[in-house]
Amino acid sequence: MEAAKVPSFLCLLLLLMPLFFTPSGGNKEVCEEWTSDTYRMLVLCSSKKCNQYCVSEGATRGKCGFLIVRSFCYCTKECD
């Protein structure tokens, strides 16, 4: 019985993983484009560092990741 619980727990964990890798907070405007391929690992991601990185990469702004993966910086491009 224990062997059946472990795979089901792993399946559940895999289903929930996208929640941990999405940017946190706020409603996104319809025209914002979160570029999932534009993220960077930053130690103790801060908004200031993340914004500086994203602007240097040609994006409009950046946000730190959610919960456990707070060390990821996600960039977005807003409509003009």
PDB file of N, CA and C in Angstrom:
ATOM      1  N   MET A   1       0.828  -1.203   0.000  1.00  0.00           N
ATOM      2  CA  MET A   1       0.000   0.000   0.000  1.00  0.00           C
ATOM      3  C   MET A   1       0.873   1.268   0.000  1.00  0.00           C
ATOM      4  N   GLU A   2       1.976   1.248   0.734  1.00  0.00           N
ATOM      5  CA  GLU A   2       2.870   2.409   0.777  1.00  0.00           C
ATOM      6  C   GLU A   2       3.452   2.709  -0.600  1.00  0.00           C
ATOM      7  N   ALA A   3       3.717   1.652  -1.379  1.00  0.00           N
ATOM      8  CA  ALA A   3       4.294   1.852  -2.709  1.00  0.00           C
ATOM      9  C   ALA A   3       3.318   2.597  -3.617  1.00  0.00           C
ATOM     10  N   ALA A   4       2.034   2.415  -3.427  1.00  0.00           N
ATOM     11  CA  ALA A   4       1.034   3.105  -4.244  1.00  0.00           C
ATOM     12  C   ALA A   4       0.899   4.566  -3.853  1.00  0.00           C
ATOM     13  N   LYS A   5       1.165   4.890  -2.597  1.00  0.00           N
ATOM     14  CA  LYS A   5       1.028   6.278  -2.140  1.00  0.00           C
ATOM     15  C   LYS A   5       2.140   7.161  -2.697  1.00  0.00           C
ATOM     16  N   VAL A   6       3.346   6.625  -2.804  1.00  0.00           N
ATOM     17  CA  VAL A   6       4.476   7.430  -3.261  1.00  0.00           C
ATOM     18  C   VAL A   6       4.293   7.888  -4.703  1.00  0.00           C
ATOM     19  N   PRO A   7       3.972   6.996  -5.658  1.00  0.00           N
ATOM     20  CA  PRO A   7       3.777   7.483  -7.029  1.00  0.00           C
ATOM     21  C   PRO A   7       2.619   8.481  -7.155  1.00  0.00           C
ATOM     22  N   SER A   8       1.541   8.283  -6.405  1.00  0.00           N
ATOM     23  CA  SER A   8       0.431   9.228  -6.505  1.00  0.00           C
ATOM     24  C   SER A   8       0.833  10.597  -5.942  1.00  0.00           C
ATOM     25  N   PHE A   9       1.660  10.598  -4.896  1.00  0.00           N
ATOM     26  CA  PHE A   9       2.155  11.859  -4.353  1.00  0.00           C
ATOM     27  C   PHE A   9       3.046  12.556  -5.387  1.00  0.00           C
ATOM     28  N   LEU A  10       3.894  11.795  -6.066  1.00  0.00           N
ATOM     29  CA  LEU A  10       4.768  12.386  -7.083  1.00  0.00           C
ATOM     30  C   LEU A  10       3.965  12.945  -8.246  1.00  0.00           C
ATOM     31  N   CYS A  11       2.906  12.236  -8.641  1.00  0.00           N
ATOM     32  CA  CYS A  11       2.043  12.746  -9.719  1.00  0.00           C
ATOM     33  C   CYS A  11       1.383  14.055  -9.313  1.00  0.00           C
ATOM     34  N   LEU A  12       0.901  14.115  -8.088  1.00  0.00           N
ATOM     35  CA  LEU A  12       0.276  15.340  -7.592  1.00  0.00           C
ATOM     36  C   LEU A  12       1.291  16.478  -7.560  1.00  0.00           C
ATOM     37  N   LEU A  13       2.495  16.172  -7.119  1.00  0.00           N
ATOM     38  CA  LEU A  13       3.548  17.184  -7.067  1.00  0.00           C
ATOM     39  C   LEU A  13       3.863  17.710  -8.464  1.00  0.00           C
ATOM     40  N   LEU A  14       3.936  16.826  -9.443  1.00  0.00           N
ATOM     41  CA  LEU A  14       4.211  17.250 -10.811  1.00  0.00           C
ATOM     42  C   LEU A  14       3.086  18.120 -11.369  1.00  0.00           C
ATOM     43  N   LEU A  15       1.856  17.824 -10.990  1.00  0.00           N
ATOM     44  CA  LEU A  15       0.734  18.646 -11.441  1.00  0.00           C
ATOM     45  C   LEU A  15       0.762  20.042 -10.830  1.00  0.00           C
ATOM     46  N   LEU A  16       1.279  20.145  -9.606  1.00  0.00           N
ATOM     47  CA  LEU A  16       1.294  21.433  -8.917  1.00  0.00           C
ATOM     48  C   LEU A  16       2.538  22.264  -9.213  1.00  0.00           C
ATOM     49  N   MET A  17       3.549  21.680  -9.833  1.00  0.00           N
ATOM     50  CA  MET A  17       4.802  22.395 -10.093  1.00  0.00           C
ATOM     51  C   MET A  17       4.619  23.701 -10.879  1.00  0.00           C
ATOM     52  N   PRO A  18       3.750  23.762 -11.882  1.00  0.00           N
ATOM     53  CA  PRO A  18       3.599  25.043 -12.595  1.00  0.00           C
ATOM     54  C   PRO A  18       3.180  26.200 -11.692  1.00  0.00           C
ATOM     55  N   LEU A  19       2.481  25.917 -10.610  1.00  0.00           N
ATOM     56  CA  LEU A  19       2.094  26.985  -9.680  1.00  0.00           C
ATOM     57  C   LEU A  19       3.305  27.625  -9.036  1.00  0.00           C
ATOM     58  N   PHE A  20       4.359  26.826  -8.821  1.00  0.00           N
ATOM     59  CA  PHE A  20       5.556  27.346  -8.170  1.00  0.00           C
ATOM     60  C   PHE A  20       6.472  28.079  -9.138  1.00  0.00           C
ATOM     61  N   PHE A  21       6.302  27.859 -10.432  1.00  0.00           N
ATOM     62  CA  PHE A  21       7.186  28.475 -11.400  1.00  0.00           C
ATOM     63  C   PHE A  21       6.559  29.650 -12.132  1.00  0.00           C
ATOM     64  N   THR A  22       5.393  30.089 -11.685  1.00  0.00           N
ATOM     65  CA  THR A  22       4.760  31.241 -12.313  1.00  0.00           C
ATOM     66  C   THR A  22       5.045  32.494 -11.498  1.00  0.00           C
ATOM     67  N   PRO A  23       5.105  33.633 -12.126  1.00  0.00           N
ATOM     68  CA  PRO A  23       5.356  34.875 -11.395  1.00  0.00           C
ATOM     69  C   PRO A  23       4.252  35.160 -10.390  1.00  0.00           C
ATOM     70  N   SER A  24       4.619  35.832  -9.324  1.00  0.00           N
ATOM     71  CA  SER A  24       3.654  36.075  -8.256  1.00  0.00           C
ATOM     72  C   SER A  24       2.989  37.431  -8.390  1.00  0.00           C
ATOM     73  N   GLY A  25       1.825  37.511  -7.788  1.00  0.00           N
ATOM     74  CA  GLY A  25       1.175  38.773  -7.530  1.00  0.00           C
ATOM     75  C   GLY A  25       0.466  39.435  -8.677  1.00  0.00           C
ATOM     76  N   GLY A  26      -0.597  40.124  -8.314  1.00  0.00           N
ATOM     77  CA  GLY A  26      -1.268  41.044  -9.204  1.00  0.00           C
ATOM     78  C   GLY A  26      -1.922  40.457 -10.433  1.00  0.00           C
ATOM     79  N   ASN A  27      -2.826  41.244 -10.975  1.00  0.00           N
ATOM     80  CA  ASN A  27      -3.455  40.868 -12.237  1.00  0.00           C
ATOM     81  C   ASN A  27      -2.580  41.366 -13.370  1.00  0.00           C
ATOM     82  N   LYS A  28      -2.401  40.530 -14.355  1.00  0.00           N
ATOM     83  CA  LYS A  28      -1.620  40.933 -15.513  1.00  0.00           C
ATOM     84  C   LYS A  28      -2.559  41.574 -16.520  1.00  0.00           C
ATOM     85  N   GLU A  29      -2.108  42.632 -17.139  1.00  0.00           N
ATOM     86  CA  GLU A  29      -2.883  43.245 -18.213  1.00  0.00           C
ATOM     87  C   GLU A  29      -2.994  42.228 -19.346  1.00  0.00           C
ATOM     88  N   VAL A  30      -4.028  42.367 -20.134  1.00  0.00           N
ATOM     89  CA  VAL A  30      -4.233  41.451 -21.253  1.00  0.00           C
ATOM     90  C   VAL A  30      -3.071  41.529 -22.228  1.00  0.00           C
ATOM     91  N   CYS A  31      -2.516  42.711 -22.381  1.00  0.00           N
ATOM     92  CA  CYS A  31      -1.465  42.873 -23.379  1.00  0.00           C
ATOM     93  C   CYS A  31      -0.074  42.537 -22.855  1.00  0.00           C
ATOM     94  N   GLU A  32       0.073  42.227 -21.585  1.00  0.00           N
ATOM     95  CA  GLU A  32       1.385  41.831 -21.083  1.00  0.00           C
ATOM     96  C   GLU A  32       1.750  40.455 -21.606  1.00  0.00           C
ATOM     97  N   GLU A  33       2.984  40.300 -21.955  1.00  0.00           N
ATOM     98  CA  GLU A  33       3.455  39.016 -22.455  1.00  0.00           C
ATOM     99  C   GLU A  33       4.579  38.540 -21.540  1.00  0.00           C
ATOM    100  N   TRP A  34       4.275  37.530 -20.718  1.00  0.00           N
ATOM    101  CA  TRP A  34       5.308  36.974 -19.847  1.00  0.00           C
ATOM    102  C   TRP A  34       6.150  36.035 -20.677  1.00  0.00           C
ATOM    103  N   THR A  35       7.410  36.341 -20.816  1.00  0.00           N
ATOM    104  CA  THR A  35       8.284  35.530 -21.646  1.00  0.00           C
ATOM    105  C   THR A  35       8.895  34.445 -20.776  1.00  0.00           C
ATOM    106  N   SER A  36       8.325  33.248 -20.857  1.00  0.00           N
ATOM    107  CA  SER A  36       8.748  32.160 -19.985  1.00  0.00           C
ATOM    108  C   SER A  36      10.185  31.730 -20.258  1.00  0.00           C
ATOM    109  N   ASP A  37      10.674  32.016 -21.477  1.00  0.00           N
ATOM    110  CA  ASP A  37      12.055  31.660 -21.764  1.00  0.00           C
ATOM    111  C   ASP A  37      13.022  32.727 -21.264  1.00  0.00           C
ATOM    112  N   THR A  38      12.492  33.855 -20.785  1.00  0.00           N
ATOM    113  CA  THR A  38      13.347  34.917 -20.266  1.00  0.00           C
ATOM    114  C   THR A  38      13.226  34.953 -18.747  1.00  0.00           C
ATOM    115  N   TYR A  39      14.002  34.128 -18.107  1.00  0.00           N
ATOM    116  CA  TYR A  39      14.086  34.186 -16.657  1.00  0.00           C
ATOM    117  C   TYR A  39      15.520  33.921 -16.254  1.00  0.00           C
ATOM    118  N   ARG A  40      15.861  34.362 -15.091  1.00  0.00           N
ATOM    119  CA  ARG A  40      17.232  34.220 -14.631  1.00  0.00           C
ATOM    120  C   ARG A  40      17.218  33.857 -13.163  1.00  0.00           C
ATOM    121  N   MET A  41      18.156  33.032 -12.775  1.00  0.00           N
ATOM    122  CA  MET A  41      18.279  32.649 -11.380  1.00  0.00           C
ATOM    123  C   MET A  41      19.045  33.758 -10.655  1.00  0.00           C
ATOM    124  N   LEU A  42      18.420  34.383  -9.680  1.00  0.00           N
ATOM    125  CA  LEU A  42      19.060  35.426  -8.884  1.00  0.00           C
ATOM    126  C   LEU A  42      19.023  34.994  -7.422  1.00  0.00           C
ATOM    127  N   VAL A  43      20.155  35.078  -6.745  1.00  0.00           N
ATOM    128  CA  VAL A  43      20.182  34.740  -5.329  1.00  0.00           C
ATOM    129  C   VAL A  43      19.395  35.800  -4.573  1.00  0.00           C
ATOM    130  N   LEU A  44      18.418  35.368  -3.809  1.00  0.00           N
ATOM    131  CA  LEU A  44      17.533  36.270  -3.071  1.00  0.00           C
ATOM    132  C   LEU A  44      17.022  37.387  -3.974  1.00  0.00           C
ATOM    133  N   CYS A  45      16.241  36.988  -4.947  1.00  0.00           N
ATOM    134  CA  CYS A  45      15.718  37.909  -5.954  1.00  0.00           C
ATOM    135  C   CYS A  45      15.037  39.111  -5.298  1.00  0.00           C
ATOM    136  N   SER A  46      15.425  40.287  -5.738  1.00  0.00           N
ATOM    137  CA  SER A  46      14.755  41.510  -5.290  1.00  0.00           C
ATOM    138  C   SER A  46      14.171  42.194  -6.522  1.00  0.00           C
ATOM    139  N   SER A  47      13.140  42.976  -6.311  1.00  0.00           N
ATOM    140  CA  SER A  47      12.486  43.666  -7.426  1.00  0.00           C
ATOM    141  C   SER A  47      13.459  44.555  -8.182  1.00  0.00           C
ATOM    142  N   LYS A  48      14.333  45.229  -7.445  1.00  0.00           N
ATOM    143  CA  LYS A  48      15.278  46.145  -8.064  1.00  0.00           C
ATOM    144  C   LYS A  48      16.240  45.396  -8.990  1.00  0.00           C
ATOM    145  N   LYS A  49      16.837  44.297  -8.475  1.00  0.00           N
ATOM    146  CA  LYS A  49      17.768  43.507  -9.287  1.00  0.00           C
ATOM    147  C   LYS A  49      17.066  42.900 -10.489  1.00  0.00           C
ATOM    148  N   CYS A  50      15.869  42.395 -10.262  1.00  0.00           N
ATOM    149  CA  CYS A  50      15.110  41.740 -11.319  1.00  0.00           C
ATOM    150  C   CYS A  50      14.747  42.743 -12.419  1.00  0.00           C
ATOM    151  N   ASN A  51      14.271  43.925 -12.037  1.00  0.00           N
ATOM    152  CA  ASN A  51      13.939  44.956 -13.024  1.00  0.00           C
ATOM    153  C   ASN A  51      15.163  45.374 -13.830  1.00  0.00           C
ATOM    154  N   GLN A  52      16.301  45.555 -13.149  1.00  0.00           N
ATOM    155  CA  GLN A  52      17.528  45.947 -13.845  1.00  0.00           C
ATOM    156  C   GLN A  52      17.919  44.895 -14.872  1.00  0.00           C
ATOM    157  N   TYR A  53      17.831  43.628 -14.482  1.00  0.00           N
ATOM    158  CA  TYR A  53      18.181  42.546 -15.401  1.00  0.00           C
ATOM    159  C   TYR A  53      17.236  42.530 -16.603  1.00  0.00           C
ATOM    160  N   CYS A  54      15.941  42.618 -16.340  1.00  0.00           N
ATOM    161  CA  CYS A  54      14.953  42.518 -17.420  1.00  0.00           C
ATOM    162  C   CYS A  54      15.058  43.680 -18.399  1.00  0.00           C
ATOM    163  N   VAL A  55      15.253  44.883 -17.882  1.00  0.00           N
ATOM    164  CA  VAL A  55      15.388  46.047 -18.751  1.00  0.00           C
ATOM    165  C   VAL A  55      16.639  45.900 -19.616  1.00  0.00           C
ATOM    166  N   SER A  56      17.716  45.376 -19.047  1.00  0.00           N
ATOM    167  CA  SER A  56      18.943  45.178 -19.829  1.00  0.00           C
ATOM    168  C   SER A  56      18.754  44.116 -20.911  1.00  0.00           C
ATOM    169  N   GLU A  57      17.788  43.225 -20.721  1.00  0.00           N
ATOM    170  CA  GLU A  57      17.492  42.187 -21.715  1.00  0.00           C
ATOM    171  C   GLU A  57      16.438  42.636 -22.722  1.00  0.00           C
ATOM    172  N   GLY A  58      15.933  43.863 -22.603  1.00  0.00           N
ATOM    173  CA  GLY A  58      14.975  44.396 -23.560  1.00  0.00           C
ATOM    174  C   GLY A  58      13.516  44.246 -23.151  1.00  0.00           C
ATOM    175  N   ALA A  59      13.266  43.754 -21.960  1.00  0.00           N
ATOM    176  CA  ALA A  59      11.889  43.633 -21.473  1.00  0.00           C
ATOM    177  C   ALA A  59      11.470  44.938 -20.806  1.00  0.00           C
ATOM    178  N   THR A  60      10.197  45.019 -20.436  1.00  0.00           N
ATOM    179  CA  THR A  60       9.686  46.223 -19.796  1.00  0.00           C
ATOM    180  C   THR A  60       9.945  46.205 -18.292  1.00  0.00           C
ATOM    181  N   ARG A  61       9.692  45.060 -17.652  1.00  0.00           N
ATOM    182  CA  ARG A  61       9.910  44.944 -16.216  1.00  0.00           C
ATOM    183  C   ARG A  61      10.038  43.479 -15.832  1.00  0.00           C
ATOM    184  N   GLY A  62      10.329  43.238 -14.566  1.00  0.00           N
ATOM    185  CA  GLY A  62      10.474  41.873 -14.095  1.00  0.00           C
ATOM    186  C   GLY A  62       9.833  41.666 -12.744  1.00  0.00           C
ATOM    187  N   LYS A  63       9.557  40.404 -12.426  1.00  0.00           N
ATOM    188  CA  LYS A  63       9.006  40.024 -11.131  1.00  0.00           C
ATOM    189  C   LYS A  63       9.728  38.792 -10.633  1.00  0.00           C
ATOM    190  N   CYS A  64       9.898  38.731  -9.323  1.00  0.00           N
ATOM    191  CA  CYS A  64      10.499  37.544  -8.730  1.00  0.00           C
ATOM    192  C   CYS A  64       9.465  36.426  -8.688  1.00  0.00           C
ATOM    193  N   GLY A  65       9.945  35.200  -8.703  1.00  0.00           N
ATOM    194  CA  GLY A  65       9.072  34.027  -8.705  1.00  0.00           C
ATOM    195  C   GLY A  65       8.275  33.877  -7.427  1.00  0.00           C
ATOM    196  N   PHE A  66       7.539  32.797  -7.340  1.00  0.00           N
ATOM    197  CA  PHE A  66       6.558  32.553  -6.290  1.00  0.00           C
ATOM    198  C   PHE A  66       7.058  31.522  -5.282  1.00  0.00           C
ATOM    199  N   LEU A  67       6.894  31.781  -4.008  1.00  0.00           N
ATOM    200  CA  LEU A  67       7.183  30.854  -2.914  1.00  0.00           C
ATOM    201  C   LEU A  67       8.592  30.274  -2.959  1.00  0.00           C
ATOM    202  N   ILE A  68       8.673  28.966  -3.213  1.00  0.00           N
ATOM    203  CA  ILE A  68       9.940  28.245  -3.119  1.00  0.00           C
ATOM    204  C   ILE A  68      10.953  28.745  -4.145  1.00  0.00           C
ATOM    205  N   VAL A  69      10.515  29.046  -5.348  1.00  0.00           N
ATOM    206  CA  VAL A  69      11.441  29.456  -6.401  1.00  0.00           C
ATOM    207  C   VAL A  69      11.533  30.977  -6.502  1.00  0.00           C
ATOM    208  N   ARG A  70      11.592  31.632  -5.361  1.00  0.00           N
ATOM    209  CA  ARG A  70      11.694  33.090  -5.320  1.00  0.00           C
ATOM    210  C   ARG A  70      12.985  33.573  -5.962  1.00  0.00           C
ATOM    211  N   SER A  71      13.934  32.681  -6.170  1.00  0.00           N
ATOM    212  CA  SER A  71      15.206  33.078  -6.752  1.00  0.00           C
ATOM    213  C   SER A  71      15.142  33.220  -8.274  1.00  0.00           C
ATOM    214  N   PHE A  72      13.988  32.978  -8.891  1.00  0.00           N
ATOM    215  CA  PHE A  72      13.852  33.163 -10.333  1.00  0.00           C
ATOM    216  C   PHE A  72      13.273  34.538 -10.623  1.00  0.00           C
ATOM    217  N   CYS A  73      13.832  35.191 -11.621  1.00  0.00           N
ATOM    218  CA  CYS A  73      13.362  36.502 -12.067  1.00  0.00           C
ATOM    219  C   CYS A  73      12.698  36.328 -13.424  1.00  0.00           C
ATOM    220  N   TYR A  74      11.428  36.690 -13.527  1.00  0.00           N
ATOM    221  CA  TYR A  74      10.679  36.572 -14.775  1.00  0.00           C
ATOM    222  C   TYR A  74      10.514  37.951 -15.404  1.00  0.00           C
ATOM    223  N   CYS A  75      10.683  38.012 -16.712  1.00  0.00           N
ATOM    224  CA  CYS A  75      10.582  39.284 -17.420  1.00  0.00           C
ATOM    225  C   CYS A  75       9.290  39.348 -18.231  1.00  0.00           C
ATOM    226  N   THR A  76       8.786  40.554 -18.417  1.00  0.00           N
ATOM    227  CA  THR A  76       7.575  40.745 -19.216  1.00  0.00           C
ATOM    228  C   THR A  76       7.735  41.953 -20.133  1.00  0.00           C
ATOM    229  N   LYS A  77       7.011  41.901 -21.234  1.00  0.00           N
ATOM    230  CA  LYS A  77       6.951  43.035 -22.164  1.00  0.00           C
ATOM    231  C   LYS A  77       5.518  43.522 -22.183  1.00  0.00           C
ATOM    232  N   GLU A  78       5.322  44.797 -21.937  1.00  0.00           N
ATOM    233  CA  GLU A  78       3.985  45.380 -21.950  1.00  0.00           C
ATOM    234  C   GLU A  78       3.729  46.026 -23.299  1.00  0.00           C
ATOM    235  N   CYS A  79       2.465  46.194 -23.613  1.00  0.00           N
ATOM    236  CA  CYS A  79       2.101  46.864 -24.864  1.00  0.00           C
ATOM    237  C   CYS A  79       2.485  48.338 -24.799  1.00  0.00           C
ATOM    238  N   ASP A  80       2.784  48.873 -25.942  1.00  0.00           N
ATOM    239  CA  ASP A  80       3.104  50.305 -26.007  1.00  0.00           C
ATOM    240  C   ASP A  80       1.837  51.120 -26.137  1.00  0.00           C
TER     241      ASP A  80
END
